[in-house]
Protein backbone atom coordinates (compact mmCIF):
# COMPACT_ATOMS: atom_id res chain seq x y z
CA MET A 1 4.74 24.30 5.48
CA PRO A 2 6.36 20.95 4.25
CA THR A 3 5.71 19.50 0.54
CA LEU A 4 3.97 15.99 -0.10
CA SER A 5 5.02 13.86 -3.81
CA ILE A 6 1.85 11.37 -4.17
CA ILE A 7 3.48 8.00 -5.75
CA ILE A 8 1.32 6.21 -7.83
CA VAL A 9 2.12 2.93 -10.13
CA SER A 10 -0.11 1.68 -12.28
CA TYR A 11 0.06 -1.46 -14.54
CA ASN A 12 -3.34 -2.00 -17.19
CA ALA A 13 -5.75 -0.36 -15.03
CA ARG A 14 -6.67 2.84 -16.74
CA GLU A 15 -10.17 2.58 -15.63
CA ASP A 16 -9.16 2.67 -12.24
CA LEU A 17 -6.38 4.93 -12.66
CA ALA A 18 -8.68 7.64 -13.85
CA ARG A 19 -11.41 7.57 -10.97
CA CYS A 20 -7.89 7.98 -8.70
CA LEU A 21 -6.58 11.00 -10.27
CA GLU A 22 -9.93 12.36 -10.59
CA SER A 23 -10.60 12.33 -7.04
CA LEU A 24 -6.91 14.21 -6.31
CA HIS A 25 -7.93 16.61 -8.99
CA ALA A 26 -11.22 17.11 -7.64
CA ALA A 27 -10.23 18.20 -4.15
CA PRO A 28 -7.09 17.95 -4.00
CA PRO A 29 -4.50 18.51 -0.96
CA SER A 30 -4.44 21.78 0.41
CA ILE A 31 -0.08 22.16 1.09
CA PRO A 32 1.89 22.13 -1.81
CA HIS A 33 1.79 19.11 -3.70
CA ASP A 34 3.22 16.91 -6.98
CA VAL A 35 1.61 13.30 -8.30
CA THR A 36 4.41 11.15 -10.16
CA LEU A 37 2.68 8.17 -11.95
CA VAL A 38 4.87 4.97 -12.51
CA ASP A 39 3.57 3.15 -15.60
CA ASN A 40 4.97 -0.77 -14.99
CA ALA A 41 5.14 -1.40 -18.70
CA SER A 42 1.38 -1.55 -19.43
CA THR A 43 0.51 -3.19 -22.59
CA ASP A 44 -2.63 -0.72 -22.58
CA ARG A 45 -0.92 1.89 -24.85
CA LEU A 46 -4.00 4.40 -24.05
CA LEU A 47 -3.17 4.57 -20.33
CA VAL A 48 -0.22 6.78 -20.26
CA GLU A 49 -1.85 8.67 -23.03
CA THR A 50 -4.91 9.69 -21.25
CA VAL A 51 -3.22 10.86 -18.37
CA ARG A 52 -0.81 13.01 -20.56
CA SER A 53 -4.16 14.61 -22.10
CA ARG A 54 -6.24 14.78 -19.08
CA TRP A 55 -3.89 15.75 -16.22
CA PRO A 56 -0.48 17.16 -17.90
CA ARG A 57 1.05 17.90 -14.24
CA VAL A 58 1.58 14.81 -13.54
CA ARG A 59 4.89 13.16 -14.06
CA ILE A 60 5.15 9.94 -15.54
CA VAL A 61 7.65 7.59 -15.38
CA VAL A 62 7.14 4.72 -17.84
CA GLN A 63 9.22 1.66 -16.94
CA ASP A 64 10.77 -0.51 -19.89
CA ARG A 65 9.38 -3.68 -17.79
CA ASN A 66 7.07 -4.33 -15.12
CA ARG A 67 9.31 -4.06 -12.25
CA GLY A 68 6.60 -4.85 -9.45
CA PHE A 69 4.94 -2.37 -7.05
CA ALA A 70 8.11 -2.06 -5.03
CA ALA A 71 10.55 -0.95 -7.74
CA GLY A 72 7.74 1.02 -9.28
CA THR A 73 7.03 3.27 -5.97
CA ASN A 74 10.86 3.82 -5.58
CA ALA A 75 11.57 4.81 -9.14
CA GLY A 76 8.71 7.41 -8.38
CA ILE A 77 9.87 8.36 -5.22
CA ARG A 78 13.68 8.80 -6.80
CA GLN A 79 11.65 11.38 -9.29
CA SER A 80 9.95 13.47 -6.44
CA THR A 81 10.79 15.70 -3.91
CA GLY A 82 8.35 16.01 -1.14
CA ASP A 83 8.99 16.11 2.33
CA LEU A 84 5.89 13.67 2.72
CA LEU A 85 5.47 10.76 0.47
CA LEU A 86 2.01 9.10 0.17
CA MET A 87 2.31 6.16 -1.78
CA LEU A 88 -1.08 5.52 -3.28
CA ASN A 89 -2.70 2.26 -5.14
CA SER A 90 -4.08 3.48 -8.26
CA ASP A 91 -7.95 1.46 -7.83
CA THR A 92 -8.24 4.31 -4.72
CA VAL A 93 -10.54 6.97 -4.70
CA VAL A 94 -9.34 10.06 -2.32
CA PRO A 95 -12.87 12.16 -0.96
CA PRO A 96 -11.97 15.49 0.09
CA GLY A 97 -10.08 16.27 3.31
CA ALA A 98 -8.60 12.66 3.47
CA ILE A 99 -5.11 13.21 2.98
CA ASP A 100 -5.39 16.66 4.98
CA VAL A 101 -6.30 15.02 8.06
CA LEU A 102 -3.89 11.67 7.34
CA ILE A 103 -0.31 14.25 7.64
CA VAL A 104 -2.36 16.59 10.79
CA ARG A 105 -2.22 13.11 12.29
CA LEU A 106 1.05 11.98 11.54
CA GLN A 107 2.56 15.58 12.35
CA ALA A 108 0.41 15.23 15.60
CA ASN A 109 2.72 12.27 16.78
CA PRO A 110 6.23 12.99 16.67
CA SER A 111 6.91 9.47 17.26
CA ALA A 112 5.25 7.83 14.24
CA ALA A 113 6.70 7.87 10.58
CA VAL A 114 4.46 6.44 8.93
CA ALA A 115 0.34 7.04 9.01
CA GLY A 116 -2.30 4.50 7.44
CA PRO A 117 -6.05 5.37 6.63
CA ARG A 118 -9.05 3.88 7.08
CA LEU A 119 -9.84 1.38 4.21
CA ILE A 120 -13.44 1.16 2.74
CA ASP A 121 -14.19 -0.52 -0.54
CA ALA A 122 -17.34 0.80 -2.79
CA ASN A 123 -20.13 -0.60 -0.39
CA GLY A 124 -18.35 1.03 2.49
CA LEU A 125 -17.30 -2.41 4.00
CA VAL A 126 -14.37 -2.03 6.04
CA GLU A 127 -11.07 -3.14 5.20
CA LEU A 128 -8.75 -4.79 7.83
CA SER A 129 -6.04 -2.52 6.47
CA PHE A 130 -3.26 -2.73 9.14
CA GLY A 131 -2.40 -5.86 11.40
CA TRP A 132 0.42 -7.34 13.13
CA MET A 133 4.18 -8.52 12.06
CA ILE A 134 4.01 -11.31 9.93
CA SER A 135 4.89 -14.37 10.89
CA PRO A 136 3.11 -18.14 11.72
CA LEU A 137 0.83 -17.23 14.56
CA GLY A 138 0.24 -13.72 12.69
CA GLU A 139 -0.72 -14.55 9.35
CA LEU A 140 -3.21 -17.62 10.88
CA ARG A 141 -4.62 -14.79 12.84
CA GLN A 142 -4.84 -12.52 9.96
CA ARG A 143 -6.23 -14.76 7.62
CA ALA A 144 -8.67 -15.92 9.65
CA ILE A 145 -10.30 -12.62 10.92
CA GLY A 146 -10.13 -11.24 7.62
CA GLY A 147 -11.92 -14.53 6.58
CA LEU A 148 -14.81 -14.43 8.67
CA HIS A 149 -15.09 -10.41 8.49
CA LEU A 150 -15.50 -11.00 4.45
CA ALA A 151 -17.65 -14.06 5.16
CA GLY A 152 -20.17 -11.74 7.23
CA PHE A 153 -19.70 -12.92 10.49
CA ALA A 154 -21.48 -10.77 12.87
CA PRO A 155 -19.32 -10.71 15.95
CA VAL A 156 -15.88 -10.81 13.57
CA ARG A 157 -17.45 -8.20 11.33
CA SER A 158 -18.67 -5.82 14.28
CA TRP A 159 -15.43 -6.15 16.25
CA VAL A 160 -12.90 -5.47 13.04
CA ASP A 161 -15.73 -2.18 12.74
CA ARG A 162 -14.41 -1.22 16.04
CA THR A 163 -11.08 -1.57 16.07
CA THR A 164 -10.52 0.40 12.98
CA ARG A 165 -12.48 3.41 14.50
CA ARG A 166 -9.95 3.34 17.19
CA GLU A 167 -6.68 5.42 15.95
CA GLN A 168 -3.31 3.14 17.40
CA PHE A 169 0.28 1.84 17.08
CA VAL A 170 0.31 -1.11 14.92
CA ASP A 171 3.22 -3.08 13.09
CA TRP A 172 1.90 -1.97 9.48
CA VAL A 173 -0.29 -0.38 7.65
CA SER A 174 -1.56 -1.19 3.89
CA GLY A 175 0.40 0.45 1.36
CA ALA A 176 -2.39 0.84 -0.55
CA CYS A 177 -2.14 4.40 0.98
CA LEU A 178 0.73 5.00 3.22
CA LEU A 179 1.67 8.70 4.18
CA VAL A 180 6.01 8.96 5.34
CA SER A 181 8.23 10.85 5.94
CA ARG A 182 10.92 11.22 3.24
CA ALA A 183 13.46 11.21 5.62
CA ASP A 184 12.72 7.96 7.28
CA ALA A 185 11.87 6.43 4.05
CA GLU A 186 15.30 7.15 2.72
CA ALA A 187 17.05 6.34 6.24
CA VAL A 188 15.65 2.42 5.42
CA GLY A 189 16.57 2.59 1.79
CA LEU A 190 12.92 2.90 0.60
CA LEU A 191 10.80 -0.17 -0.27
CA ASP A 192 12.68 -3.49 -0.58
CA GLU A 193 12.80 -4.68 -4.31
CA ARG A 194 12.99 -8.17 -3.99
CA TYR A 195 8.80 -8.42 -3.24
CA PHE A 196 7.26 -7.88 -6.87
CA LEU A 197 3.60 -7.68 -5.34
CA TYR A 198 2.73 -8.38 -1.72
CA THR A 199 4.50 -8.22 1.74
CA GLU A 200 6.54 -5.25 0.62
CA ASP A 201 4.20 -2.02 3.14
CA VAL A 202 4.77 -5.22 5.88
CA ASP A 203 8.79 -5.09 5.16
CA PHE A 204 8.75 -1.49 5.21
CA CYS A 205 7.46 -0.66 8.51
CA ALA A 206 9.36 -3.23 9.93
CA ALA A 207 12.31 -1.69 8.94
CA ILE A 208 10.68 1.97 9.62
CA ARG A 209 9.91 0.55 13.68
CA ALA A 210 13.88 -1.32 13.80
CA ARG A 211 15.16 2.25 13.74
CA GLY A 212 12.57 3.62 16.74
CA LYS A 213 9.85 4.87 14.92
CA ARG A 214 6.37 4.03 14.92
CA ILE A 215 3.45 3.20 12.68
CA LEU A 216 0.26 4.81 12.98
CA PHE A 217 -2.94 4.04 11.94
CA ALA A 218 -5.60 6.85 11.64
CA PRO A 219 -8.94 6.35 10.89
CA ALA A 220 -9.94 10.08 10.73
CA ALA A 221 -8.92 9.95 7.33
CA GLU A 222 -10.93 7.44 5.19
CA VAL A 223 -10.26 6.17 1.93
CA THR A 224 -12.11 4.22 -0.72
CA HIS A 225 -10.04 0.59 -1.99
CA ALA A 226 -11.31 -1.46 -4.57
CA ARG A 227 -9.72 -4.56 -3.15
CA GLY A 228 -8.53 -7.22 -5.11
CA ARG A 229 -7.90 -4.89 -8.78
CA SER A 230 -4.50 -4.59 -8.26
CA ARG A 231 -4.13 -8.14 -8.00
CA ALA A 232 -6.31 -8.69 -10.97
CA THR A 233 -3.89 -6.86 -13.35
CA VAL A 234 -1.32 -9.54 -12.70
CA SER A 235 0.77 -11.26 -15.41
CA GLY A 236 0.24 -15.02 -14.62
CA GLY A 237 -2.07 -14.61 -11.20
CA ALA A 238 -1.69 -13.56 -8.63
CA ALA A 239 -0.86 -16.07 -6.26
CA PRO A 240 2.34 -17.23 -7.40
CA GLU A 241 3.61 -13.74 -6.66
CA TYR A 242 2.08 -13.98 -3.12
CA ARG A 243 3.71 -17.13 -2.62
CA ARG A 244 7.19 -15.49 -3.59
CA SER A 245 6.97 -12.51 -1.61
CA GLN A 246 6.21 -14.79 1.13
CA LEU A 247 9.31 -16.79 0.74
CA ALA A 248 11.29 -14.26 0.94
CA PHE A 249 9.80 -12.22 3.79
CA TYR A 250 10.29 -15.27 5.83
CA GLU A 251 14.22 -15.51 4.65
CA LYS A 252 14.93 -12.31 5.58
CA HIS A 253 12.61 -12.48 9.11
CA HIS A 254 11.76 -15.88 10.23
CA PRO A 255 14.73 -18.09 8.07
CA SER A 256 14.56 -20.68 10.38
CA TRP A 257 10.79 -21.09 9.31
CA VAL A 258 11.81 -21.38 5.87
CA PRO A 259 12.41 -24.99 5.90
CA ALA A 260 8.88 -25.65 7.22
CA LEU A 261 7.22 -22.93 4.57
CA LYS A 262 8.74 -24.53 1.73
CA ALA A 263 7.65 -28.30 2.75
CA TYR A 264 3.97 -27.14 3.29
CA LEU A 265 3.84 -25.31 -0.11
CA ARG A 266 5.30 -28.10 -1.48
CA LEU A 267 2.27 -30.54 -0.28
CA LYS A 268 0.04 -27.86 -1.76
CA ARG A 269 1.94 -28.05 -4.55
CA GLU A 270 2.05 -24.23 -4.75
CA LEU A 271 5.94 -23.71 -4.24
CA PRO A 272 7.19 -20.91 -6.78
């Protein structure tokens, strides 16, 4: 039987983190597992104390500064030993059985190295938590669909609902809840730490696919995700971090597009 390590990165998100850990404690995965919390130098000093007192079995890694999601996740992975790794946002709530189902679906697809569940918000609205490889066209398509979905445009909302009920292989799944085998994660060097926040999950999945493995979207597993809560804890706002990650992604994957992207960001006064 495989073992599982759950890695949670948190920054000033004590209430969300408590709900996440409580959901894991109330209905833990059925396989042997451990939970590692990486605190990215939260200014909320009660965060670590609360976890230590309420969930003493959680391993806590305290960073000396906020190094971002990718670096925080990597720090947690290096302190864990599970055969499988579950990257889990602190603003998620995991229903009973969801992790078990996700593991079953990953193991039922030997060509897959990564699996992600169907994500819904607290009101039951589904999130488009997978997509096409980031590119100028891919970003435009993802944003258009996502914007119309959140705006309540009925045809798009219906399409998103249908699409997110079908198990399928995709280019990437959201890092809000991402299951991967340790062997495959280590083979690609874990997450690229140049990404402070945003696109690290797309980049990670691209590295997995480059090695001939596949990315599975497994809607039989469903997890609640409070969208935007992680972004709300970013010092200085999330927009500059998104643009930095976007530039880093294009420099790595689409270098020919970087001059055009920089020119576009200058015009919008969003060049970091």
